[in-house]
Amino acid sequence: EPPPEQWEAALNDPELKERMVTRESTALAYLGFPLYQGEPWNNKDFRKAIALAIDIDTILKQTVPGRFTRATSWVPTTVQGGRDNVCEFCRYDPQAAKDLLAKAGGWPRGKKMPIALGADETQESIFKAIGDQLKLNLGIDYKLVPSEEFFDLRSAQKFQGPFRNNWYADY
């Protein structure tokens, strides 16, 4: 896949357009939390606040137009048994997010939330937009932590904050 800034050019390139394959996928990418770190990550209200503060539709439209769609359940409809619109917190509601963050005890003033991800331009674009939403809607500043060793760090539970996570129907 081309990086976000090259997507339009790739769509309009006659040679690439002829070879382009588009299809639905069973993949999910999402913001995971290091529950092994304890508070605030293991606080359900905190995680719900984060989920409700992110305008996924706008992020996808602005960063990767036409490439991905927002999940509305844990199991995509492309998987047998998958259903749409069964996720209560897969919506954008910044006021509910603020209320839940307050209920969860807030976020420490002046502390940046690290968001870990692999060294991938598309993911960096998406997760920067996610961080921007957290800052805009919850006042949580962030820093992206891209790494070539992302998968090893994830397996070793080395993250200090949210991280790009994914699920594929690989059976």
N, C-alpha and C. Protein backbone atom coordinates (compact mmCIF):
# COMPACT_ATOMS: atom_id res chain seq x y z
N GLU A 1 0.84 -1.18 0.00
CA GLU A 1 0.00 0.00 0.00
C GLU A 1 0.88 1.24 0.00
N PRO A 2 0.52 2.21 -0.78
CA PRO A 2 1.29 3.45 -0.76
C PRO A 2 0.98 4.24 0.53
N PRO A 3 1.92 5.07 0.98
CA PRO A 3 1.65 5.90 2.14
C PRO A 3 0.53 6.89 1.84
N PRO A 4 -0.11 7.45 2.86
CA PRO A 4 -1.27 8.32 2.67
C PRO A 4 -1.06 9.44 1.66
N GLU A 5 0.10 10.10 1.69
CA GLU A 5 0.31 11.23 0.79
C GLU A 5 0.46 10.80 -0.67
N GLN A 6 0.66 9.51 -0.93
CA GLN A 6 0.79 9.02 -2.30
C GLN A 6 -0.46 8.27 -2.78
N TRP A 7 -1.46 8.15 -1.94
CA TRP A 7 -2.65 7.36 -2.26
C TRP A 7 -3.39 7.91 -3.48
N GLU A 8 -3.67 9.20 -3.51
CA GLU A 8 -4.39 9.80 -4.64
C GLU A 8 -3.64 9.58 -5.95
N ALA A 9 -2.33 9.80 -5.92
CA ALA A 9 -1.53 9.62 -7.13
C ALA A 9 -1.59 8.16 -7.59
N ALA A 10 -1.55 7.23 -6.64
CA ALA A 10 -1.63 5.81 -7.00
C ALA A 10 -2.98 5.48 -7.62
N LEU A 11 -4.04 6.05 -7.07
CA LEU A 11 -5.39 5.80 -7.62
C LEU A 11 -5.52 6.33 -9.05
N ASN A 12 -4.80 7.39 -9.34
CA ASN A 12 -4.89 8.01 -10.66
C ASN A 12 -3.80 7.57 -11.63
N ASP A 13 -2.91 6.72 -11.20
CA ASP A 13 -1.84 6.20 -12.06
C ASP A 13 -2.42 5.09 -12.93
N PRO A 14 -2.46 5.26 -14.26
CA PRO A 14 -3.09 4.26 -15.13
C PRO A 14 -2.50 2.85 -14.97
N GLU A 15 -1.18 2.77 -14.84
CA GLU A 15 -0.55 1.45 -14.70
C GLU A 15 -0.93 0.79 -13.36
N LEU A 16 -0.86 1.56 -12.29
CA LEU A 16 -1.22 1.00 -10.99
C LEU A 16 -2.71 0.70 -10.90
N LYS A 17 -3.53 1.57 -11.46
CA LYS A 17 -4.97 1.38 -11.43
C LYS A 17 -5.37 0.06 -12.08
N GLU A 18 -4.68 -0.29 -13.15
CA GLU A 18 -4.96 -1.53 -13.88
C GLU A 18 -4.64 -2.76 -13.02
N ARG A 19 -3.63 -2.64 -12.14
CA ARG A 19 -3.22 -3.78 -11.32
C ARG A 19 -3.78 -3.73 -9.89
N MET A 20 -4.51 -2.68 -9.55
CA MET A 20 -4.98 -2.51 -8.19
C MET A 20 -6.04 -3.56 -7.84
N VAL A 21 -5.91 -4.12 -6.68
CA VAL A 21 -6.87 -5.08 -6.17
C VAL A 21 -7.47 -4.51 -4.89
N THR A 22 -8.77 -4.43 -4.85
CA THR A 22 -9.45 -4.00 -3.63
C THR A 22 -10.40 -5.11 -3.21
N ARG A 23 -10.45 -5.32 -1.91
CA ARG A 23 -11.34 -6.36 -1.39
C ARG A 23 -11.61 -6.08 0.07
N GLU A 24 -12.71 -6.62 0.55
CA GLU A 24 -12.99 -6.51 1.97
C GLU A 24 -12.00 -7.38 2.73
N SER A 25 -11.78 -7.04 3.96
CA SER A 25 -10.81 -7.75 4.77
C SER A 25 -11.44 -8.19 6.09
N THR A 26 -10.78 -9.09 6.75
CA THR A 26 -11.22 -9.51 8.08
C THR A 26 -10.36 -8.86 9.15
N ALA A 27 -9.53 -7.92 8.78
CA ALA A 27 -8.57 -7.31 9.71
C ALA A 27 -9.20 -6.18 10.51
N LEU A 28 -8.77 -6.08 11.76
CA LEU A 28 -9.11 -4.95 12.61
C LEU A 28 -7.82 -4.33 13.12
N ALA A 29 -7.73 -3.03 13.10
CA ALA A 29 -6.63 -2.32 13.76
C ALA A 29 -7.29 -1.43 14.81
N TYR A 30 -6.69 -1.38 15.98
CA TYR A 30 -7.32 -0.63 17.07
C TYR A 30 -6.28 -0.19 18.09
N LEU A 31 -6.70 0.65 19.00
CA LEU A 31 -5.86 1.15 20.06
C LEU A 31 -5.94 0.16 21.22
N GLY A 32 -4.83 -0.51 21.48
CA GLY A 32 -4.76 -1.44 22.61
C GLY A 32 -4.27 -0.72 23.85
N PHE A 33 -4.49 -1.32 25.00
CA PHE A 33 -4.07 -0.71 26.26
C PHE A 33 -3.20 -1.68 27.05
N PRO A 34 -2.15 -1.17 27.69
CA PRO A 34 -1.26 -2.03 28.47
C PRO A 34 -1.88 -2.35 29.84
N LEU A 35 -2.85 -3.23 29.85
CA LEU A 35 -3.54 -3.56 31.09
C LEU A 35 -2.56 -4.05 32.16
N TYR A 36 -1.44 -4.62 31.73
CA TYR A 36 -0.41 -5.11 32.63
C TYR A 36 0.25 -3.98 33.42
N GLN A 37 0.06 -2.72 33.01
CA GLN A 37 0.64 -1.58 33.71
C GLN A 37 -0.26 -1.07 34.84
N GLY A 38 -1.48 -1.61 34.96
CA GLY A 38 -2.38 -1.14 36.02
C GLY A 38 -3.07 0.15 35.63
N GLU A 39 -3.30 1.02 36.63
CA GLU A 39 -4.01 2.29 36.41
C GLU A 39 -3.22 3.21 35.49
N PRO A 40 -3.87 4.00 34.65
CA PRO A 40 -5.31 4.05 34.42
C PRO A 40 -5.79 3.04 33.40
N TRP A 41 -4.86 2.29 32.82
CA TRP A 41 -5.17 1.43 31.67
C TRP A 41 -6.18 0.34 32.00
N ASN A 42 -6.22 -0.15 33.21
CA ASN A 42 -7.16 -1.21 33.55
C ASN A 42 -8.50 -0.66 34.06
N ASN A 43 -8.66 0.64 34.01
CA ASN A 43 -9.91 1.28 34.42
C ASN A 43 -10.86 1.33 33.21
N LYS A 44 -11.98 0.64 33.30
CA LYS A 44 -12.90 0.56 32.16
C LYS A 44 -13.43 1.93 31.75
N ASP A 45 -13.73 2.78 32.71
CA ASP A 45 -14.24 4.11 32.36
C ASP A 45 -13.19 4.93 31.61
N PHE A 46 -11.93 4.78 31.99
CA PHE A 46 -10.85 5.47 31.28
C PHE A 46 -10.78 5.00 29.84
N ARG A 47 -10.83 3.69 29.63
CA ARG A 47 -10.75 3.15 28.27
C ARG A 47 -11.98 3.55 27.46
N LYS A 48 -13.15 3.56 28.07
CA LYS A 48 -14.36 3.99 27.36
C LYS A 48 -14.24 5.46 26.97
N ALA A 49 -13.68 6.28 27.86
CA ALA A 49 -13.50 7.71 27.56
C ALA A 49 -12.61 7.89 26.34
N ILE A 50 -11.53 7.14 26.29
CA ILE A 50 -10.62 7.22 25.14
C ILE A 50 -11.37 6.84 23.86
N ALA A 51 -12.11 5.74 23.91
CA ALA A 51 -12.84 5.28 22.73
C ALA A 51 -13.84 6.33 22.24
N LEU A 52 -14.59 6.92 23.14
CA LEU A 52 -15.63 7.88 22.77
C LEU A 52 -15.06 9.23 22.30
N ALA A 53 -13.80 9.50 22.63
CA ALA A 53 -13.19 10.79 22.27
C ALA A 53 -12.64 10.81 20.86
N ILE A 54 -12.65 9.68 20.18
CA ILE A 54 -11.99 9.58 18.87
C ILE A 54 -13.02 9.51 17.75
N ASP A 55 -12.96 10.47 16.86
CA ASP A 55 -13.86 10.53 15.70
C ASP A 55 -13.23 9.72 14.56
N ILE A 56 -13.43 8.41 14.62
CA ILE A 56 -12.81 7.50 13.67
C ILE A 56 -13.23 7.79 12.24
N ASP A 57 -14.50 8.06 12.01
CA ASP A 57 -14.96 8.33 10.64
C ASP A 57 -14.19 9.47 10.01
N THR A 58 -14.02 10.56 10.74
CA THR A 58 -13.29 11.72 10.22
C THR A 58 -11.82 11.39 10.01
N ILE A 59 -11.24 10.67 10.97
CA ILE A 59 -9.82 10.29 10.84
C ILE A 59 -9.61 9.47 9.57
N LEU A 60 -10.45 8.47 9.36
CA LEU A 60 -10.28 7.62 8.18
C LEU A 60 -10.50 8.40 6.89
N LYS A 61 -11.49 9.28 6.91
CA LYS A 61 -11.79 10.09 5.72
C LYS A 61 -10.61 11.01 5.39
N GLN A 62 -9.97 11.57 6.41
CA GLN A 62 -8.89 12.52 6.18
C GLN A 62 -7.54 11.85 5.94
N THR A 63 -7.29 10.72 6.57
CA THR A 63 -5.95 10.12 6.47
C THR A 63 -5.85 9.02 5.42
N VAL A 64 -6.88 8.23 5.28
CA VAL A 64 -6.83 7.09 4.34
C VAL A 64 -8.18 6.95 3.62
N PRO A 65 -8.59 7.99 2.87
CA PRO A 65 -9.92 7.99 2.27
C PRO A 65 -10.16 6.77 1.38
N GLY A 66 -11.26 6.09 1.66
CA GLY A 66 -11.67 4.95 0.85
C GLY A 66 -10.93 3.66 1.12
N ARG A 67 -9.99 3.66 2.04
CA ARG A 67 -9.18 2.46 2.27
C ARG A 67 -9.67 1.61 3.42
N PHE A 68 -10.15 2.23 4.48
CA PHE A 68 -10.59 1.49 5.66
C PHE A 68 -11.96 1.98 6.09
N THR A 69 -12.67 1.16 6.86
CA THR A 69 -13.95 1.57 7.44
C THR A 69 -13.89 1.36 8.94
N ARG A 70 -14.71 2.10 9.64
CA ARG A 70 -14.76 2.04 11.10
C ARG A 70 -15.41 0.73 11.54
N ALA A 71 -14.81 0.09 12.50
CA ALA A 71 -15.39 -1.13 13.07
C ALA A 71 -16.55 -0.76 13.99
N THR A 72 -17.57 -1.57 13.97
CA THR A 72 -18.71 -1.37 14.88
C THR A 72 -18.98 -2.64 15.68
N SER A 73 -18.03 -3.56 15.64
CA SER A 73 -18.10 -4.77 16.44
C SER A 73 -16.71 -5.38 16.51
N TRP A 74 -16.52 -6.36 17.36
CA TRP A 74 -15.23 -7.01 17.47
C TRP A 74 -15.00 -7.95 16.29
N VAL A 75 -16.05 -8.53 15.76
CA VAL A 75 -15.93 -9.47 14.64
C VAL A 75 -16.47 -8.78 13.39
N PRO A 76 -15.62 -8.56 12.39
CA PRO A 76 -16.08 -7.89 11.16
C PRO A 76 -17.18 -8.69 10.45
N THR A 77 -18.02 -8.01 9.73
CA THR A 77 -19.10 -8.69 9.01
C THR A 77 -18.56 -9.56 7.89
N THR A 78 -17.30 -9.41 7.52
CA THR A 78 -16.68 -10.26 6.50
C THR A 78 -16.38 -11.66 7.06
N VAL A 79 -16.49 -11.82 8.37
CA VAL A 79 -16.31 -13.12 9.02
C VAL A 79 -17.70 -13.69 9.31
N GLN A 80 -17.89 -14.96 9.03
CA GLN A 80 -19.19 -15.57 9.29
C GLN A 80 -19.58 -15.36 10.75
N GLY A 81 -20.77 -14.85 10.95
CA GLY A 81 -21.26 -14.56 12.30
C GLY A 81 -21.02 -13.13 12.74
N GLY A 82 -20.21 -12.39 11.99
CA GLY A 82 -19.95 -11.00 12.34
C GLY A 82 -21.20 -10.15 12.15
N ARG A 83 -21.40 -9.21 13.05
CA ARG A 83 -22.57 -8.32 12.98
C ARG A 83 -22.12 -6.88 13.13
N ASP A 84 -22.85 -6.00 12.50
CA ASP A 84 -22.58 -4.56 12.59
C ASP A 84 -23.30 -3.96 13.80
N ASN A 85 -22.77 -2.84 14.26
CA ASN A 85 -23.41 -1.98 15.26
C ASN A 85 -23.75 -2.69 16.56
N VAL A 86 -22.81 -3.46 17.08
CA VAL A 86 -23.03 -4.11 18.38
C VAL A 86 -22.06 -3.60 19.44
N CYS A 87 -21.27 -2.59 19.10
CA CYS A 87 -20.30 -2.03 20.03
C CYS A 87 -20.85 -0.72 20.60
N GLU A 88 -21.12 -0.72 21.88
CA GLU A 88 -21.69 0.45 22.53
C GLU A 88 -20.74 1.65 22.52
N PHE A 89 -19.44 1.41 22.55
CA PHE A 89 -18.48 2.51 22.65
C PHE A 89 -17.71 2.75 21.36
N CYS A 90 -18.23 2.24 20.24
CA CYS A 90 -17.62 2.46 18.92
C CYS A 90 -18.31 3.64 18.24
N ARG A 91 -18.49 4.70 18.98
CA ARG A 91 -19.12 5.90 18.44
C ARG A 91 -18.35 7.11 18.95
N TYR A 92 -18.63 8.23 18.38
CA TYR A 92 -17.96 9.47 18.75
C TYR A 92 -18.89 10.29 19.63
N ASP A 93 -18.50 10.54 20.87
CA ASP A 93 -19.30 11.32 21.80
C ASP A 93 -18.34 12.02 22.77
N PRO A 94 -17.78 13.18 22.36
CA PRO A 94 -16.77 13.83 23.19
C PRO A 94 -17.27 14.24 24.58
N GLN A 95 -18.54 14.60 24.71
CA GLN A 95 -19.03 14.99 26.04
C GLN A 95 -19.09 13.78 26.97
N ALA A 96 -19.60 12.67 26.47
CA ALA A 96 -19.61 11.44 27.28
C ALA A 96 -18.18 11.03 27.61
N ALA A 97 -17.25 11.24 26.68
CA ALA A 97 -15.84 10.92 26.93
C ALA A 97 -15.30 11.75 28.08
N LYS A 98 -15.58 13.05 28.08
CA LYS A 98 -15.12 13.93 29.17
C LYS A 98 -15.70 13.49 30.50
N ASP A 99 -16.98 13.15 30.50
CA ASP A 99 -17.62 12.71 31.74
C ASP A 99 -16.99 11.42 32.27
N LEU A 100 -16.73 10.48 31.38
CA LEU A 100 -16.12 9.21 31.80
C LEU A 100 -14.67 9.41 32.24
N LEU A 101 -13.95 10.30 31.58
CA LEU A 101 -12.57 10.57 32.01
C LEU A 101 -12.56 11.16 33.41
N ALA A 102 -13.47 12.08 33.69
CA ALA A 102 -13.56 12.65 35.03
C ALA A 102 -13.90 11.56 36.05
N LYS A 103 -14.85 10.72 35.72
CA LYS A 103 -15.24 9.61 36.61
C LYS A 103 -14.06 8.68 36.88
N ALA A 104 -13.19 8.50 35.88
CA ALA A 104 -12.04 7.61 36.00
C ALA A 104 -10.87 8.26 36.74
N GLY A 105 -10.99 9.53 37.05
CA GLY A 105 -9.91 10.20 37.78
C GLY A 105 -9.04 11.10 36.92
N GLY A 106 -9.40 11.23 35.63
CA GLY A 106 -8.68 12.15 34.74
C GLY A 106 -7.35 11.62 34.26
N TRP A 107 -6.58 12.54 33.72
CA TRP A 107 -5.24 12.26 33.22
C TRP A 107 -4.30 13.28 33.85
N PRO A 108 -3.11 12.88 34.28
CA PRO A 108 -2.20 13.83 34.95
C PRO A 108 -1.85 15.03 34.07
N ARG A 109 -2.07 16.20 34.62
CA ARG A 109 -1.79 17.44 33.91
C ARG A 109 -0.31 17.50 33.53
N GLY A 110 -0.05 17.84 32.26
CA GLY A 110 1.31 17.99 31.78
C GLY A 110 1.99 16.69 31.36
N LYS A 111 1.38 15.56 31.62
CA LYS A 111 1.99 14.28 31.24
C LYS A 111 1.55 13.91 29.83
N LYS A 112 2.52 13.51 29.00
CA LYS A 112 2.19 13.08 27.64
C LYS A 112 1.88 11.58 27.63
N MET A 113 0.85 11.23 26.90
CA MET A 113 0.49 9.82 26.73
C MET A 113 1.30 9.25 25.57
N PRO A 114 2.14 8.25 25.84
CA PRO A 114 2.87 7.64 24.72
C PRO A 114 1.96 6.69 23.95
N ILE A 115 2.00 6.78 22.63
CA ILE A 115 1.22 5.88 21.77
C ILE A 115 2.22 5.14 20.90
N ALA A 116 2.34 3.83 21.13
CA ALA A 116 3.34 3.01 20.44
C ALA A 116 2.76 2.43 19.15
N LEU A 117 3.61 2.34 18.14
CA LEU A 117 3.22 1.76 16.86
C LEU A 117 4.47 1.36 16.10
N GLY A 118 4.27 0.60 15.05
CA GLY A 118 5.38 0.24 14.19
C GLY A 118 5.82 1.42 13.35
N ALA A 119 6.96 1.28 12.72
CA ALA A 119 7.48 2.34 11.85
C ALA A 119 6.82 2.19 10.48
N ASP A 120 5.63 2.76 10.34
CA ASP A 120 4.82 2.63 9.13
C ASP A 120 4.13 3.97 8.91
N GLU A 121 4.32 4.55 7.74
CA GLU A 121 3.79 5.89 7.46
C GLU A 121 2.27 5.96 7.56
N THR A 122 1.57 4.93 7.09
CA THR A 122 0.11 4.94 7.15
C THR A 122 -0.35 4.90 8.60
N GLN A 123 0.22 4.00 9.39
CA GLN A 123 -0.16 3.91 10.79
C GLN A 123 0.20 5.18 11.55
N GLU A 124 1.35 5.78 11.23
CA GLU A 124 1.73 7.03 11.89
C GLU A 124 0.69 8.11 11.61
N SER A 125 0.22 8.19 10.38
CA SER A 125 -0.77 9.18 10.02
C SER A 125 -2.07 8.97 10.80
N ILE A 126 -2.52 7.73 10.85
CA ILE A 126 -3.75 7.41 11.56
C ILE A 126 -3.61 7.67 13.06
N PHE A 127 -2.52 7.20 13.67
CA PHE A 127 -2.38 7.33 15.11
C PHE A 127 -2.01 8.74 15.55
N LYS A 128 -1.43 9.53 14.66
CA LYS A 128 -1.26 10.96 14.96
C LYS A 128 -2.63 11.61 15.03
N ALA A 129 -3.50 11.26 14.10
CA ALA A 129 -4.86 11.81 14.12
C ALA A 129 -5.62 11.37 15.37
N ILE A 130 -5.40 10.13 15.81
CA ILE A 130 -6.02 9.66 17.05
C ILE A 130 -5.51 10.50 18.23
N GLY A 131 -4.19 10.69 18.29
CA GLY A 131 -3.63 11.52 19.35
C GLY A 131 -4.17 12.94 19.32
N ASP A 132 -4.31 13.50 18.12
CA ASP A 132 -4.88 14.85 17.99
C ASP A 132 -6.30 14.90 18.54
N GLN A 133 -7.08 13.84 18.32
CA GLN A 133 -8.45 13.79 18.86
C GLN A 133 -8.43 13.73 20.39
N LEU A 134 -7.51 12.96 20.95
CA LEU A 134 -7.41 12.88 22.41
C LEU A 134 -7.04 14.25 23.01
N LYS A 135 -6.15 14.95 22.33
CA LYS A 135 -5.76 16.28 22.81
C LYS A 135 -6.93 17.25 22.69
N LEU A 136 -7.60 17.25 21.55
CA LEU A 136 -8.72 18.16 21.31
C LEU A 136 -9.88 17.89 22.26
N ASN A 137 -10.26 16.64 22.41
CA ASN A 137 -11.49 16.32 23.14
C ASN A 137 -11.31 16.02 24.62
N LEU A 138 -10.10 15.63 25.03
CA LEU A 138 -9.89 15.31 26.44
C LEU A 138 -8.74 16.11 27.07
N GLY A 139 -8.05 16.91 26.26
CA GLY A 139 -6.93 17.68 26.79
C GLY A 139 -5.71 16.83 27.11
N ILE A 140 -5.64 15.63 26.56
CA ILE A 140 -4.51 14.73 26.82
C ILE A 140 -3.48 14.93 25.71
N ASP A 141 -2.31 15.43 26.09
CA ASP A 141 -1.24 15.56 25.12
C ASP A 141 -0.61 14.18 24.92
N TYR A 142 0.04 13.97 23.80
CA TYR A 142 0.55 12.65 23.46
C TYR A 142 1.88 12.75 22.73
N LYS A 143 2.55 11.63 22.62
CA LYS A 143 3.71 11.53 21.75
C LYS A 143 3.65 10.16 21.08
N LEU A 144 3.89 10.15 19.77
CA LEU A 144 3.95 8.88 19.06
C LEU A 144 5.31 8.25 19.30
N VAL A 145 5.30 6.93 19.47
CA VAL A 145 6.53 6.19 19.70
C VAL A 145 6.62 5.08 18.64
N PRO A 146 7.01 5.45 17.40
CA PRO A 146 7.16 4.43 16.37
C PRO A 146 8.45 3.64 16.59
N SER A 147 8.41 2.35 16.25
CA SER A 147 9.58 1.52 16.46
C SER A 147 9.64 0.38 15.46
N GLU A 148 10.84 0.11 14.97
CA GLU A 148 11.07 -1.06 14.12
C GLU A 148 10.89 -2.35 14.92
N GLU A 149 11.06 -2.29 16.23
CA GLU A 149 10.94 -3.46 17.11
C GLU A 149 9.55 -3.57 17.73
N PHE A 150 8.57 -2.92 17.13
CA PHE A 150 7.23 -2.84 17.70
C PHE A 150 6.68 -4.20 18.13
N PHE A 151 6.73 -5.20 17.26
CA PHE A 151 6.10 -6.48 17.57
C PHE A 151 6.82 -7.20 18.71
N ASP A 152 8.14 -7.07 18.77
CA ASP A 152 8.88 -7.65 19.89
C ASP A 152 8.53 -6.94 21.19
N LEU A 153 8.43 -5.62 21.15
CA LEU A 153 8.08 -4.85 22.34
C LEU A 153 6.66 -5.19 22.81
N ARG A 154 5.76 -5.35 21.86
CA ARG A 154 4.37 -5.70 22.22
C ARG A 154 4.35 -7.07 22.87
N SER A 155 5.02 -8.04 22.30
CA SER A 155 5.06 -9.40 22.86
C SER A 155 5.68 -9.41 24.25
N ALA A 156 6.67 -8.55 24.48
CA ALA A 156 7.35 -8.49 25.77
C ALA A 156 6.63 -7.59 26.78
N GLN A 157 5.49 -7.04 26.40
CA GLN A 157 4.70 -6.15 27.26
C GLN A 157 5.53 -4.98 27.78
N LYS A 158 6.18 -4.28 26.86
CA LYS A 158 7.06 -3.17 27.22
C LYS A 158 6.43 -1.79 27.05
N PHE A 159 5.18 -1.73 26.64
CA PHE A 159 4.57 -0.43 26.38
C PHE A 159 4.13 0.25 27.67
N GLN A 160 4.30 1.56 27.69
CA GLN A 160 3.91 2.38 28.84
C GLN A 160 2.58 3.09 28.62
N GLY A 161 2.00 2.93 27.45
CA GLY A 161 0.75 3.59 27.11
C GLY A 161 0.06 2.83 26.00
N PRO A 162 -0.97 3.42 25.42
CA PRO A 162 -1.72 2.76 24.34
C PRO A 162 -0.80 2.40 23.18
N PHE A 163 -1.24 1.44 22.40
CA PHE A 163 -0.45 0.98 21.27
C PHE A 163 -1.35 0.50 20.15
N ARG A 164 -0.81 0.56 18.95
CA ARG A 164 -1.53 0.03 17.80
C ARG A 164 -1.63 -1.47 18.01
N ASN A 165 -2.82 -1.98 17.87
CA ASN A 165 -3.02 -3.42 17.97
C ASN A 165 -3.82 -3.86 16.76
N ASN A 166 -3.84 -5.13 16.51
CA ASN A 166 -4.56 -5.62 15.34
C ASN A 166 -5.04 -7.06 15.57
N TRP A 167 -6.00 -7.43 14.77
CA TRP A 167 -6.54 -8.78 14.80
C TRP A 167 -6.87 -9.16 13.37
N TYR A 168 -6.50 -10.37 12.99
CA TYR A 168 -6.81 -10.89 11.67
C TYR A 168 -7.44 -12.27 11.84
N ALA A 169 -8.41 -12.55 11.01
CA ALA A 169 -8.97 -13.89 10.99
C ALA A 169 -7.98 -14.75 10.22
N ASP A 170 -7.07 -15.37 10.94
CA ASP A 170 -5.99 -16.10 10.29
C ASP A 170 -6.17 -17.60 10.37
N TYR A 171 -7.40 -18.02 10.51
CA TYR A 171 -7.67 -19.46 10.58
C TYR A 171 -8.09 -20.03 9.25
